[in-house]
Amino acid sequence: MTDKNNHSDAGQITWDHPPEPHAVSNPPLPFYARPSATPSAIPPHLEGGKEPPAKSLKSLFSKKALILMVLMLVLVGLCLFSAGFFYGLWVAKKHASASYTHAKKKTASKLDPLKKNIAKILKQEPETLYSVQLGALLNRLNAEELAKYLQQENISSKIVIKQRRNAPPLFIVRTQEYASYTEAKTIADTLISKHMLSATVVKVGKG
């Protein structure tokens, strides 16, 4: 400081060297922004100065809804396939049953006339008959006398002529035909025991 400056500038203080400005202290950093002693203290998502975009709830719900929709479509497809499969089996079974019933009715319609014809033939066919044979004689007169004797005893009789090859015919005396063997056997026993005749039950065939 000089006297010249003091006299020329009255009331003003001047300095040969301007004062140094006061140092401004920086405000303290918050605890989460302070540098750490170890580099691992910095969260991985803060390294590089950028945070990854956060997933919104809307996107999560849309993905779940899409998955559920796909599962529902698969389930509906399986249900439709199963329904179609079982319906096809039911239709095939019904068609087979209808075909079997139709074939059975057709066969029955064909067999009915045949059954009726067989029943008609069996109905027309006479039953087996039995007779009592009293003898096979070579002389016709003797056969006629025996038949006459039976008529007197109220026993119907007839003479059956049997032709033989290289031999004279036989004159067979028989009673009337009987429907059962038992009835014919009763007549034969009576002729044997009461009339002392040779009697044998024979089957005379049908008709």
N, C-alpha and C. Protein backbone atom coordinates (compact mmCIF):
# COMPACT_ATOMS: atom_id res chain seq x y z
N MET A 1 0.85 -1.17 0.00
CA MET A 1 0.00 0.00 0.00
C MET A 1 0.89 1.23 0.00
N THR A 2 0.58 2.33 -0.84
CA THR A 2 1.40 3.55 -1.00
C THR A 2 0.62 4.74 -0.61
N ASP A 3 1.37 5.86 -0.36
CA ASP A 3 0.71 7.09 0.04
C ASP A 3 -0.02 7.72 -1.10
N LYS A 4 0.46 7.53 -2.33
CA LYS A 4 -0.19 8.11 -3.50
C LYS A 4 -1.58 7.57 -3.65
N ASN A 5 -1.69 6.36 -3.50
CA ASN A 5 -3.02 5.75 -3.65
C ASN A 5 -3.92 6.20 -2.53
N ASN A 6 -3.33 6.43 -1.34
CA ASN A 6 -4.19 6.82 -0.22
C ASN A 6 -4.69 8.23 -0.39
N HIS A 7 -3.88 9.16 -0.92
CA HIS A 7 -4.33 10.54 -1.06
C HIS A 7 -5.24 10.71 -2.24
N SER A 8 -5.01 10.01 -3.34
CA SER A 8 -5.84 10.21 -4.53
C SER A 8 -7.21 9.61 -4.37
N ASP A 9 -7.33 8.56 -3.73
CA ASP A 9 -8.65 7.89 -3.57
C ASP A 9 -9.02 7.97 -2.13
N ALA A 10 -9.62 9.07 -1.76
CA ALA A 10 -9.98 9.25 -0.36
C ALA A 10 -11.18 8.40 -0.05
N GLY A 11 -11.18 7.81 1.08
CA GLY A 11 -12.31 6.97 1.54
C GLY A 11 -12.35 5.62 0.93
N GLN A 12 -11.44 5.24 0.09
CA GLN A 12 -11.45 3.92 -0.55
C GLN A 12 -10.20 3.19 -0.14
N ILE A 13 -10.35 1.97 0.08
CA ILE A 13 -9.23 1.11 0.45
C ILE A 13 -8.86 0.32 -0.78
N THR A 14 -7.67 0.36 -1.10
CA THR A 14 -7.17 -0.39 -2.26
C THR A 14 -6.11 -1.34 -1.80
N TRP A 15 -5.94 -2.35 -2.60
CA TRP A 15 -4.97 -3.37 -2.28
C TRP A 15 -4.06 -3.58 -3.47
N ASP A 16 -2.76 -3.77 -3.07
CA ASP A 16 -1.85 -4.09 -4.17
C ASP A 16 -2.16 -5.47 -4.74
N HIS A 17 -2.55 -6.34 -3.91
CA HIS A 17 -2.91 -7.73 -4.36
C HIS A 17 -4.36 -8.01 -4.00
N PRO A 18 -5.18 -8.32 -4.92
CA PRO A 18 -6.59 -8.59 -4.59
C PRO A 18 -6.70 -9.83 -3.72
N PRO A 19 -7.65 -9.82 -2.85
CA PRO A 19 -7.79 -10.99 -1.96
C PRO A 19 -8.25 -12.23 -2.74
N GLU A 20 -7.80 -13.34 -2.27
CA GLU A 20 -8.21 -14.61 -2.91
C GLU A 20 -9.67 -14.91 -2.57
N PRO A 21 -10.37 -15.38 -3.51
CA PRO A 21 -11.79 -15.71 -3.23
C PRO A 21 -11.88 -16.85 -2.24
N HIS A 22 -12.94 -16.76 -1.43
CA HIS A 22 -13.16 -17.83 -0.45
C HIS A 22 -13.53 -19.13 -1.15
N ALA A 23 -12.94 -20.19 -0.66
CA ALA A 23 -13.26 -21.51 -1.23
C ALA A 23 -14.67 -21.93 -0.84
N VAL A 24 -15.46 -22.36 -1.84
CA VAL A 24 -16.85 -22.80 -1.58
C VAL A 24 -16.83 -24.31 -1.37
N SER A 25 -17.28 -24.70 -0.24
CA SER A 25 -17.30 -26.15 0.08
C SER A 25 -18.51 -26.81 -0.59
N ASN A 26 -18.28 -28.03 -1.15
CA ASN A 26 -19.37 -28.80 -1.80
C ASN A 26 -20.30 -29.39 -0.75
N PRO A 27 -21.60 -29.48 -1.04
CA PRO A 27 -22.53 -30.09 -0.07
C PRO A 27 -22.26 -31.58 0.04
N PRO A 28 -22.56 -32.16 1.18
CA PRO A 28 -22.30 -33.60 1.36
C PRO A 28 -23.20 -34.44 0.47
N LEU A 29 -22.65 -35.54 -0.06
CA LEU A 29 -23.42 -36.47 -0.90
C LEU A 29 -24.30 -37.37 -0.04
N PRO A 30 -25.46 -37.80 -0.56
CA PRO A 30 -26.27 -38.75 0.21
C PRO A 30 -25.55 -40.09 0.32
N PHE A 31 -26.06 -40.90 1.26
CA PHE A 31 -25.32 -42.12 1.59
C PHE A 31 -25.33 -43.11 0.43
N TYR A 32 -26.41 -43.09 -0.37
CA TYR A 32 -26.48 -44.07 -1.46
C TYR A 32 -25.64 -43.67 -2.64
N ALA A 33 -25.18 -42.34 -2.68
CA ALA A 33 -24.36 -41.89 -3.80
C ALA A 33 -22.89 -41.83 -3.46
N ARG A 34 -22.56 -42.14 -2.23
CA ARG A 34 -21.15 -42.08 -1.84
C ARG A 34 -20.41 -43.27 -2.45
N PRO A 35 -19.17 -43.03 -2.89
CA PRO A 35 -18.40 -44.16 -3.44
C PRO A 35 -18.08 -45.17 -2.37
N SER A 36 -18.14 -46.39 -2.72
CA SER A 36 -17.88 -47.46 -1.76
C SER A 36 -16.43 -47.89 -1.89
N ALA A 37 -15.98 -48.53 -0.82
CA ALA A 37 -14.59 -48.98 -0.82
C ALA A 37 -14.39 -50.14 -1.77
N THR A 38 -15.44 -50.91 -1.98
CA THR A 38 -15.33 -52.07 -2.88
C THR A 38 -16.22 -51.85 -4.08
N PRO A 39 -15.75 -52.24 -5.26
CA PRO A 39 -16.57 -52.04 -6.47
C PRO A 39 -17.83 -52.87 -6.49
N SER A 40 -17.88 -53.96 -5.67
CA SER A 40 -19.07 -54.81 -5.68
C SER A 40 -20.24 -54.17 -5.00
N ALA A 41 -20.02 -53.03 -4.27
CA ALA A 41 -21.12 -52.39 -3.57
C ALA A 41 -22.07 -51.71 -4.54
N ILE A 42 -21.65 -51.46 -5.78
CA ILE A 42 -22.52 -50.81 -6.75
C ILE A 42 -23.46 -51.86 -7.32
N PRO A 43 -24.76 -51.66 -7.29
CA PRO A 43 -25.69 -52.67 -7.83
C PRO A 43 -25.41 -52.91 -9.30
N PRO A 44 -25.54 -54.15 -9.72
CA PRO A 44 -25.23 -54.45 -11.12
C PRO A 44 -26.08 -53.66 -12.10
N HIS A 45 -27.35 -53.39 -11.74
CA HIS A 45 -28.21 -52.70 -12.69
C HIS A 45 -27.89 -51.22 -12.80
N LEU A 46 -26.99 -50.66 -11.82
CA LEU A 46 -26.61 -49.26 -11.89
C LEU A 46 -25.29 -49.06 -12.60
N GLU A 47 -24.56 -50.17 -12.88
CA GLU A 47 -23.29 -50.03 -13.57
C GLU A 47 -23.55 -49.57 -14.99
N GLY A 48 -22.76 -48.65 -15.46
CA GLY A 48 -22.95 -48.08 -16.79
C GLY A 48 -23.90 -46.90 -16.80
N GLY A 49 -24.52 -46.62 -15.65
CA GLY A 49 -25.36 -45.44 -15.54
C GLY A 49 -26.76 -45.60 -16.08
N LYS A 50 -27.22 -46.84 -16.51
CA LYS A 50 -28.56 -47.04 -17.05
C LYS A 50 -29.24 -48.18 -16.31
N GLU A 51 -30.50 -48.03 -16.06
CA GLU A 51 -31.30 -49.08 -15.45
C GLU A 51 -32.07 -49.84 -16.53
N PRO A 52 -32.18 -51.20 -16.38
CA PRO A 52 -32.97 -51.96 -17.36
C PRO A 52 -34.43 -51.58 -17.25
N PRO A 53 -35.16 -51.64 -18.34
CA PRO A 53 -36.58 -51.29 -18.28
C PRO A 53 -37.34 -52.28 -17.41
N ALA A 54 -38.15 -51.77 -16.53
CA ALA A 54 -38.94 -52.61 -15.63
C ALA A 54 -40.09 -53.25 -16.39
N LYS A 55 -40.37 -54.56 -16.10
CA LYS A 55 -41.49 -55.26 -16.72
C LYS A 55 -42.79 -54.80 -16.09
N SER A 56 -43.70 -54.42 -16.92
CA SER A 56 -44.99 -53.94 -16.42
C SER A 56 -45.91 -55.12 -16.12
N LEU A 57 -46.85 -54.90 -15.21
CA LEU A 57 -47.82 -55.94 -14.86
C LEU A 57 -48.71 -56.29 -16.05
N LYS A 58 -48.95 -55.32 -16.89
CA LYS A 58 -49.80 -55.55 -18.05
C LYS A 58 -49.20 -56.58 -18.99
N SER A 59 -47.84 -56.46 -19.21
CA SER A 59 -47.19 -57.43 -20.10
C SER A 59 -47.20 -58.83 -19.50
N LEU A 60 -47.00 -58.91 -18.16
CA LEU A 60 -47.03 -60.22 -17.51
C LEU A 60 -48.41 -60.86 -17.63
N PHE A 61 -49.44 -60.09 -17.37
CA PHE A 61 -50.80 -60.62 -17.46
C PHE A 61 -51.16 -61.02 -18.89
N SER A 62 -50.67 -60.26 -19.85
CA SER A 62 -50.97 -60.60 -21.25
C SER A 62 -50.31 -61.91 -21.64
N LYS A 63 -49.09 -62.18 -21.14
CA LYS A 63 -48.43 -63.44 -21.44
C LYS A 63 -49.17 -64.61 -20.80
N LYS A 64 -49.59 -64.42 -19.55
CA LYS A 64 -50.34 -65.49 -18.88
C LYS A 64 -51.66 -65.76 -19.60
N ALA A 65 -52.31 -64.68 -19.99
CA ALA A 65 -53.58 -64.86 -20.71
C ALA A 65 -53.37 -65.59 -22.03
N LEU A 66 -52.26 -65.30 -22.71
CA LEU A 66 -51.98 -65.98 -23.97
C LEU A 66 -51.73 -67.47 -23.75
N ILE A 67 -50.97 -67.78 -22.68
CA ILE A 67 -50.70 -69.19 -22.37
C ILE A 67 -51.99 -69.92 -22.03
N LEU A 68 -52.83 -69.28 -21.20
CA LEU A 68 -54.11 -69.90 -20.84
C LEU A 68 -54.99 -70.10 -22.07
N MET A 69 -54.96 -69.15 -22.98
CA MET A 69 -55.77 -69.27 -24.19
C MET A 69 -55.31 -70.45 -25.04
N VAL A 70 -53.97 -70.60 -25.15
CA VAL A 70 -53.44 -71.72 -25.92
C VAL A 70 -53.83 -73.05 -25.29
N LEU A 71 -53.71 -73.12 -23.95
CA LEU A 71 -54.10 -74.35 -23.26
C LEU A 71 -55.58 -74.66 -23.44
N MET A 72 -56.41 -73.62 -23.37
CA MET A 72 -57.84 -73.82 -23.56
C MET A 72 -58.15 -74.31 -24.98
N LEU A 73 -57.45 -73.76 -25.97
CA LEU A 73 -57.67 -74.20 -27.35
C LEU A 73 -57.26 -75.66 -27.53
N VAL A 74 -56.13 -76.04 -26.90
CA VAL A 74 -55.69 -77.44 -26.98
C VAL A 74 -56.71 -78.36 -26.32
N LEU A 75 -57.22 -77.93 -25.14
CA LEU A 75 -58.21 -78.75 -24.44
C LEU A 75 -59.50 -78.88 -25.24
N VAL A 76 -59.94 -77.77 -25.82
CA VAL A 76 -61.15 -77.82 -26.65
C VAL A 76 -60.94 -78.73 -27.86
N GLY A 77 -59.75 -78.65 -28.46
CA GLY A 77 -59.45 -79.52 -29.60
C GLY A 77 -59.49 -81.00 -29.22
N LEU A 78 -58.91 -81.33 -28.05
CA LEU A 78 -58.95 -82.71 -27.59
C LEU A 78 -60.37 -83.17 -27.33
N CYS A 79 -61.17 -82.29 -26.72
CA CYS A 79 -62.57 -82.65 -26.46
C CYS A 79 -63.34 -82.89 -27.75
N LEU A 80 -63.13 -82.03 -28.74
CA LEU A 80 -63.81 -82.20 -30.02
C LEU A 80 -63.37 -83.48 -30.72
N PHE A 81 -62.06 -83.76 -30.65
CA PHE A 81 -61.55 -84.98 -31.27
C PHE A 81 -62.15 -86.22 -30.60
N SER A 82 -62.18 -86.21 -29.24
CA SER A 82 -62.75 -87.35 -28.52
C SER A 82 -64.23 -87.51 -28.85
N ALA A 83 -64.95 -86.38 -28.88
CA ALA A 83 -66.38 -86.45 -29.20
C ALA A 83 -66.61 -87.00 -30.60
N GLY A 84 -65.81 -86.54 -31.56
CA GLY A 84 -65.94 -87.06 -32.92
C GLY A 84 -65.60 -88.54 -33.01
N PHE A 85 -64.58 -88.96 -32.26
CA PHE A 85 -64.17 -90.37 -32.29
C PHE A 85 -65.28 -91.26 -31.74
N PHE A 86 -65.81 -90.89 -30.55
CA PHE A 86 -66.86 -91.70 -29.94
C PHE A 86 -68.15 -91.65 -30.76
N TYR A 87 -68.43 -90.51 -31.37
CA TYR A 87 -69.62 -90.42 -32.22
C TYR A 87 -69.48 -91.33 -33.44
N GLY A 88 -68.26 -91.37 -33.99
CA GLY A 88 -68.02 -92.27 -35.11
C GLY A 88 -68.21 -93.74 -34.72
N LEU A 89 -67.72 -94.11 -33.52
CA LEU A 89 -67.93 -95.47 -33.05
C LEU A 89 -69.41 -95.78 -32.87
N TRP A 90 -70.15 -94.81 -32.31
CA TRP A 90 -71.58 -95.02 -32.09
C TRP A 90 -72.33 -95.19 -33.41
N VAL A 91 -71.97 -94.36 -34.39
CA VAL A 91 -72.63 -94.45 -35.70
C VAL A 91 -72.30 -95.79 -36.36
N ALA A 92 -71.02 -96.21 -36.26
CA ALA A 92 -70.63 -97.48 -36.87
C ALA A 92 -71.36 -98.65 -36.20
N LYS A 93 -71.46 -98.59 -34.87
CA LYS A 93 -72.14 -99.65 -34.14
C LYS A 93 -73.63 -99.69 -34.50
N LYS A 94 -74.23 -98.51 -34.59
CA LYS A 94 -75.65 -98.44 -34.94
C LYS A 94 -75.88 -98.96 -36.34
N HIS A 95 -74.98 -98.59 -37.26
CA HIS A 95 -75.12 -99.06 -38.65
C HIS A 95 -74.94 -100.57 -38.72
N ALA A 96 -73.96 -101.10 -37.96
CA ALA A 96 -73.75 -102.55 -37.96
C ALA A 96 -74.96 -103.27 -37.38
N SER A 97 -75.53 -102.70 -36.29
CA SER A 97 -76.71 -103.32 -35.68
C SER A 97 -77.89 -103.31 -36.64
N ALA A 98 -78.06 -102.17 -37.33
CA ALA A 98 -79.17 -102.08 -38.29
C ALA A 98 -78.97 -103.07 -39.44
N SER A 99 -77.72 -103.20 -39.91
CA SER A 99 -77.44 -104.14 -40.99
C SER A 99 -77.70 -105.58 -40.54
N TYR A 100 -77.27 -105.88 -39.28
CA TYR A 100 -77.50 -107.23 -38.76
C TYR A 100 -78.99 -107.53 -38.63
N THR A 101 -79.75 -106.53 -38.12
CA THR A 101 -81.19 -106.72 -37.97
C THR A 101 -81.86 -106.92 -39.32
N HIS A 102 -81.44 -106.11 -40.30
CA HIS A 102 -82.02 -106.24 -41.64
C HIS A 102 -81.69 -107.60 -42.24
N ALA A 103 -80.43 -108.02 -42.08
CA ALA A 103 -80.03 -109.32 -42.62
C ALA A 103 -80.79 -110.46 -41.92
N LYS A 104 -80.99 -110.29 -40.61
CA LYS A 104 -81.71 -111.33 -39.85
C LYS A 104 -83.16 -111.42 -40.30
N LYS A 105 -83.78 -110.24 -40.49
CA LYS A 105 -85.17 -110.24 -40.96
C LYS A 105 -85.27 -110.83 -42.36
N LYS A 106 -84.29 -110.48 -43.21
CA LYS A 106 -84.30 -111.00 -44.58
C LYS A 106 -84.13 -112.51 -44.59
N THR A 107 -83.22 -113.00 -43.74
CA THR A 107 -83.03 -114.45 -43.65
C THR A 107 -84.27 -115.14 -43.11
N ALA A 108 -84.88 -114.50 -42.07
CA ALA A 108 -86.09 -115.08 -41.50
C ALA A 108 -87.23 -115.12 -42.52
N SER A 109 -87.31 -114.06 -43.34
CA SER A 109 -88.36 -114.04 -44.36
C SER A 109 -88.14 -115.13 -45.40
N LYS A 110 -86.87 -115.45 -45.66
CA LYS A 110 -86.58 -116.54 -46.59
C LYS A 110 -86.85 -117.90 -45.97
N LEU A 111 -86.60 -118.02 -44.65
CA LEU A 111 -86.77 -119.31 -43.99
C LEU A 111 -88.23 -119.61 -43.68
N ASP A 112 -89.06 -118.58 -43.53
CA ASP A 112 -90.46 -118.81 -43.16
C ASP A 112 -91.18 -119.71 -44.16
N PRO A 113 -91.09 -119.41 -45.48
CA PRO A 113 -91.76 -120.33 -46.42
C PRO A 113 -91.21 -121.74 -46.36
N LEU A 114 -89.88 -121.86 -46.15
CA LEU A 114 -89.27 -123.18 -46.06
C LEU A 114 -89.79 -123.93 -44.84
N LYS A 115 -89.88 -123.20 -43.70
CA LYS A 115 -90.40 -123.84 -42.49
C LYS A 115 -91.85 -124.27 -42.68
N LYS A 116 -92.62 -123.40 -43.35
CA LYS A 116 -94.02 -123.74 -43.58
C LYS A 116 -94.15 -124.97 -44.47
N ASN A 117 -93.27 -125.04 -45.49
CA ASN A 117 -93.32 -126.20 -46.38
C ASN A 117 -92.94 -127.47 -45.65
N ILE A 118 -91.89 -127.37 -44.80
CA ILE A 118 -91.46 -128.55 -44.04
C ILE A 118 -92.57 -128.99 -43.09
N ALA A 119 -93.18 -127.99 -42.40
CA ALA A 119 -94.27 -128.33 -41.49
C ALA A 119 -95.44 -128.95 -42.24
N LYS A 120 -95.71 -128.45 -43.44
CA LYS A 120 -96.80 -129.00 -44.24
C LYS A 120 -96.51 -130.43 -44.65
N ILE A 121 -95.24 -130.67 -45.04
CA ILE A 121 -94.86 -132.02 -45.45
C ILE A 121 -94.95 -132.98 -44.27
N LEU A 122 -94.44 -132.52 -43.10
CA LEU A 122 -94.50 -133.38 -41.91
C LEU A 122 -95.93 -133.64 -41.49
N LYS A 123 -96.77 -132.64 -41.66
CA LYS A 123 -98.17 -132.81 -41.28
C LYS A 123 -98.87 -133.80 -42.21
N GLN A 124 -98.51 -133.73 -43.48
CA GLN A 124 -99.14 -134.64 -44.44
C GLN A 124 -98.58 -136.05 -44.33
N GLU A 125 -97.36 -136.15 -43.81
CA GLU A 125 -96.73 -137.46 -43.73
C GLU A 125 -97.38 -138.28 -42.62
N PRO A 126 -97.93 -139.44 -42.90
CA PRO A 126 -98.61 -140.23 -41.88
C PRO A 126 -97.63 -140.82 -40.88
N GLU A 127 -98.16 -141.17 -39.72
CA GLU A 127 -97.34 -141.77 -38.69
C GLU A 127 -97.11 -143.25 -38.98
N THR A 128 -96.16 -143.82 -38.26
CA THR A 128 -95.89 -145.25 -38.41
C THR A 128 -97.06 -146.06 -37.86
N LEU A 129 -97.45 -147.06 -38.59
CA LEU A 129 -98.57 -147.90 -38.19
C LEU A 129 -98.09 -149.32 -37.89
N TYR A 130 -98.87 -150.01 -37.08
CA TYR A 130 -98.54 -151.38 -36.68
C TYR A 130 -99.72 -152.29 -36.98
N SER A 131 -99.39 -153.56 -37.25
CA SER A 131 -100.42 -154.57 -37.53
C SER A 131 -100.01 -155.90 -36.89
N VAL A 132 -100.98 -156.79 -36.79
CA VAL A 132 -100.71 -158.12 -36.24
C VAL A 132 -100.76 -159.11 -37.41
N GLN A 133 -99.60 -159.73 -37.64
CA GLN A 133 -99.52 -160.70 -38.75
C GLN A 133 -99.78 -162.09 -38.19
N LEU A 134 -100.74 -162.84 -38.88
CA LEU A 134 -101.16 -164.16 -38.39
C LEU A 134 -100.58 -165.31 -39.20
N GLY A 135 -99.97 -165.00 -40.31
CA GLY A 135 -99.34 -166.07 -41.08
C GLY A 135 -99.09 -165.65 -42.50
N ALA A 136 -98.12 -166.35 -43.13
CA ALA A 136 -97.80 -166.17 -44.54
C ALA A 136 -97.99 -167.55 -45.20
N LEU A 137 -99.07 -167.70 -45.93
CA LEU A 137 -99.48 -169.00 -46.45
C LEU A 137 -99.25 -169.07 -47.95
N LEU A 138 -98.97 -170.32 -48.41
CA LEU A 138 -98.79 -170.54 -49.84
C LEU A 138 -100.12 -170.75 -50.54
N ASN A 139 -101.11 -171.21 -49.82
CA ASN A 139 -102.42 -171.49 -50.40
C ASN A 139 -103.35 -170.31 -50.13
N ARG A 140 -103.95 -169.81 -51.16
CA ARG A 140 -104.83 -168.66 -51.02
C ARG A 140 -106.10 -169.03 -50.25
N LEU A 141 -106.63 -170.25 -50.48
CA LEU A 141 -107.86 -170.65 -49.79
C LEU A 141 -107.66 -170.70 -48.29
N ASN A 142 -106.51 -171.20 -47.86
CA ASN A 142 -106.22 -171.23 -46.42
C ASN A 142 -106.15 -169.82 -45.85
N ALA A 143 -105.57 -168.92 -46.59
CA ALA A 143 -105.49 -167.53 -46.13
C ALA A 143 -106.88 -166.91 -46.03
N GLU A 144 -107.77 -167.24 -46.99
CA GLU A 144 -109.12 -166.68 -46.94
C GLU A 144 -109.91 -167.25 -45.76
N GLU A 145 -109.74 -168.53 -45.45
CA GLU A 145 -110.44 -169.14 -44.30
C GLU A 145 -109.98 -168.49 -42.99
N LEU A 146 -108.71 -168.21 -42.86
CA LEU A 146 -108.20 -167.55 -41.65
C LEU A 146 -108.76 -166.13 -41.52
N ALA A 147 -108.83 -165.43 -42.61
CA ALA A 147 -109.38 -164.07 -42.58
C ALA A 147 -110.86 -164.10 -42.21
N LYS A 148 -111.58 -165.12 -42.72
CA LYS A 148 -113.00 -165.25 -42.39
C LYS A 148 -113.20 -165.52 -40.91
N TYR A 149 -112.32 -166.34 -40.31
CA TYR A 149 -112.40 -166.64 -38.88
C TYR A 149 -112.21 -165.36 -38.06
N LEU A 150 -111.29 -164.56 -38.44
CA LEU A 150 -111.05 -163.30 -37.71
C LEU A 150 -112.25 -162.36 -37.82
N GLN A 151 -112.90 -162.36 -38.95
CA GLN A 151 -114.08 -161.52 -39.11
C GLN A 151 -115.18 -161.98 -38.15
N GLN A 152 -115.30 -163.29 -37.98
CA GLN A 152 -116.31 -163.81 -37.05
C GLN A 152 -116.01 -163.40 -35.61
N GLU A 153 -114.74 -163.17 -35.29
CA GLU A 153 -114.34 -162.74 -33.94
C GLU A 153 -114.28 -161.22 -33.84
N ASN A 154 -114.88 -160.55 -34.81
CA ASN A 154 -114.93 -159.07 -34.83
C ASN A 154 -113.53 -158.43 -34.88
N ILE A 155 -112.66 -159.08 -35.61
CA ILE A 155 -111.31 -158.54 -35.82
C ILE A 155 -111.14 -158.30 -37.32
N SER A 156 -110.98 -157.06 -37.66
CA SER A 156 -110.81 -156.73 -39.08
C SER A 156 -109.48 -157.28 -39.58
N SER A 157 -109.50 -157.80 -40.80
CA SER A 157 -108.29 -158.40 -41.35
C SER A 157 -108.26 -158.19 -42.85
N LYS A 158 -107.09 -158.48 -43.44
CA LYS A 158 -106.93 -158.39 -44.88
C LYS A 158 -105.81 -159.33 -45.31
N ILE A 159 -105.81 -159.65 -46.61
CA ILE A 159 -104.81 -160.54 -47.17
C ILE A 159 -103.89 -159.71 -48.06
N VAL A 160 -102.59 -159.79 -47.77
CA VAL A 160 -101.57 -159.07 -48.54
C VAL A 160 -100.79 -160.10 -49.33
N ILE A 161 -100.73 -159.90 -50.65
CA ILE A 161 -100.03 -160.83 -51.51
C ILE A 161 -98.61 -160.31 -51.74
N LYS A 162 -97.64 -161.16 -51.46
CA LYS A 162 -96.24 -160.79 -51.64
C LYS A 162 -95.66 -161.63 -52.76
N GLN A 163 -95.27 -160.98 -53.86
CA GLN A 163 -94.69 -161.68 -54.98
C GLN A 163 -93.21 -161.93 -54.71
N ARG A 164 -92.78 -163.14 -55.12
CA ARG A 164 -91.39 -163.51 -54.92
C ARG A 164 -90.77 -163.93 -56.24
N ARG A 165 -89.45 -163.69 -56.40
CA ARG A 165 -88.76 -164.06 -57.63
C ARG A 165 -88.41 -165.55 -57.58
N ASN A 166 -88.77 -166.23 -58.64
CA ASN A 166 -88.49 -167.68 -58.77
C ASN A 166 -89.15 -168.48 -57.65
N ALA A 167 -90.29 -167.98 -57.15
CA ALA A 167 -91.01 -168.70 -56.09
C ALA A 167 -92.47 -168.29 -56.16
N PRO A 168 -93.35 -169.17 -55.68
CA PRO A 168 -94.77 -168.81 -55.69
C PRO A 168 -95.04 -167.68 -54.71
N PRO A 169 -96.11 -166.94 -54.91
CA PRO A 169 -96.42 -165.83 -54.01
C PRO A 169 -96.86 -166.31 -52.64
N LEU A 170 -96.74 -165.39 -51.69
CA LEU A 170 -97.19 -165.65 -50.33
C LEU A 170 -98.45 -164.86 -50.06
N PHE A 171 -99.38 -165.49 -49.33
CA PHE A 171 -100.63 -164.83 -48.95
C PHE A 171 -100.55 -164.55 -47.44
N ILE A 172 -100.32 -163.27 -47.12
CA ILE A 172 -100.09 -162.87 -45.73
C ILE A 172 -101.40 -162.33 -45.15
N VAL A 173 -101.78 -162.89 -44.01
CA VAL A 173 -103.01 -162.47 -43.32
C VAL A 173 -102.61 -161.52 -42.19
N ARG A 174 -103.19 -160.34 -42.20
CA ARG A 174 -102.89 -159.33 -41.17
C ARG A 174 -104.18 -158.70 -40.68
N THR A 175 -104.09 -158.17 -39.49
CA THR A 175 -105.22 -157.43 -38.94
C THR A 175 -105.18 -155.99 -39.48
N GLN A 176 -106.07 -155.19 -39.00
CA GLN A 176 -106.08 -153.77 -39.36
C GLN A 176 -104.86 -153.07 -38.76
N GLU A 177 -104.62 -151.86 -39.20
CA GLU A 177 -103.48 -151.09 -38.68
C GLU A 177 -103.86 -150.40 -37.37
N TYR A 178 -102.85 -150.30 -36.51
CA TYR A 178 -103.02 -149.62 -35.22
C TYR A 178 -101.98 -148.50 -35.11
N ALA A 179 -102.37 -147.45 -34.41
CA ALA A 179 -101.49 -146.27 -34.33
C ALA A 179 -100.31 -146.47 -33.40
N SER A 180 -100.43 -147.38 -32.43
CA SER A 180 -99.34 -147.58 -31.47
C SER A 180 -98.98 -149.05 -31.39
N TYR A 181 -97.76 -149.28 -30.99
CA TYR A 181 -97.28 -150.65 -30.83
C TYR A 181 -98.01 -151.34 -29.68
N THR A 182 -98.30 -150.60 -28.64
CA THR A 182 -98.96 -151.18 -27.46
C THR A 182 -100.34 -151.74 -27.81
N GLU A 183 -101.07 -150.99 -28.60
CA GLU A 183 -102.41 -151.45 -29.00
C GLU A 183 -102.32 -152.72 -29.85
N ALA A 184 -101.36 -152.73 -30.77
CA ALA A 184 -101.20 -153.93 -31.60
C ALA A 184 -100.74 -155.12 -30.78
N LYS A 185 -99.88 -154.87 -29.79
CA LYS A 185 -99.39 -155.98 -28.94
C LYS A 185 -100.53 -156.56 -28.10
N THR A 186 -101.44 -155.74 -27.68
CA THR A 186 -102.59 -156.24 -26.90
C THR A 186 -103.45 -157.18 -27.75
N ILE A 187 -103.70 -156.80 -29.00
CA ILE A 187 -104.48 -157.67 -29.89
C ILE A 187 -103.74 -158.98 -30.16
N ALA A 188 -102.42 -158.87 -30.35
CA ALA A 188 -101.64 -160.09 -30.61
C ALA A 188 -101.68 -161.03 -29.42
N ASP A 189 -101.55 -160.53 -28.21
CA ASP A 189 -101.59 -161.39 -27.02
C ASP A 189 -102.97 -162.06 -26.87
N THR A 190 -104.01 -161.32 -27.22
CA THR A 190 -105.36 -161.89 -27.13
C THR A 190 -105.54 -163.05 -28.12
N LEU A 191 -105.06 -162.86 -29.35
CA LEU A 191 -105.17 -163.91 -30.36
C LEU A 191 -104.36 -165.14 -29.97
N ILE A 192 -103.23 -164.93 -29.33
CA ILE A 192 -102.40 -166.06 -28.94
C ILE A 192 -103.03 -166.83 -27.79
N SER A 193 -103.44 -166.08 -26.76
CA SER A 193 -103.95 -166.73 -25.56
C SER A 193 -105.37 -167.28 -25.74
N LYS A 194 -106.22 -166.60 -26.46
CA LYS A 194 -107.63 -166.99 -26.57
C LYS A 194 -107.91 -167.87 -27.78
N HIS A 195 -107.25 -167.60 -28.89
CA HIS A 195 -107.56 -168.31 -30.13
C HIS A 195 -106.45 -169.25 -30.56
N MET A 196 -105.39 -169.29 -29.79
CA MET A 196 -104.29 -170.21 -30.05
C MET A 196 -103.72 -170.03 -31.47
N LEU A 197 -103.57 -168.79 -31.85
CA LEU A 197 -103.05 -168.46 -33.17
C LEU A 197 -101.62 -167.92 -33.04
N SER A 198 -100.86 -168.08 -34.07
CA SER A 198 -99.51 -167.50 -34.13
C SER A 198 -99.63 -166.05 -34.60
N ALA A 199 -99.33 -165.12 -33.69
CA ALA A 199 -99.50 -163.69 -34.00
C ALA A 199 -98.21 -162.93 -33.68
N THR A 200 -97.86 -162.04 -34.58
CA THR A 200 -96.65 -161.23 -34.42
C THR A 200 -96.96 -159.78 -34.80
N VAL A 201 -96.47 -158.86 -33.98
CA VAL A 201 -96.65 -157.43 -34.29
C VAL A 201 -95.60 -157.02 -35.32
N VAL A 202 -96.06 -156.43 -36.39
CA VAL A 202 -95.16 -155.98 -37.45
C VAL A 202 -95.43 -154.51 -37.76
N LYS A 203 -94.38 -153.85 -38.22
CA LYS A 203 -94.52 -152.46 -38.66
C LYS A 203 -94.87 -152.47 -40.13
N VAL A 204 -95.97 -151.84 -40.46
CA VAL A 204 -96.45 -151.88 -41.83
C VAL A 204 -96.07 -150.63 -42.60
N GLY A 205 -95.28 -149.79 -42.01
CA GLY A 205 -94.83 -148.60 -42.71
C GLY A 205 -95.80 -147.46 -42.58
N LYS A 206 -95.62 -146.48 -43.47
CA LYS A 206 -96.43 -145.27 -43.43
C LYS A 206 -97.39 -145.27 -44.60
N GLY A 207 -98.61 -144.95 -44.34
CA GLY A 207 -99.59 -144.86 -45.38
C GLY A 207 -100.42 -146.12 -45.49
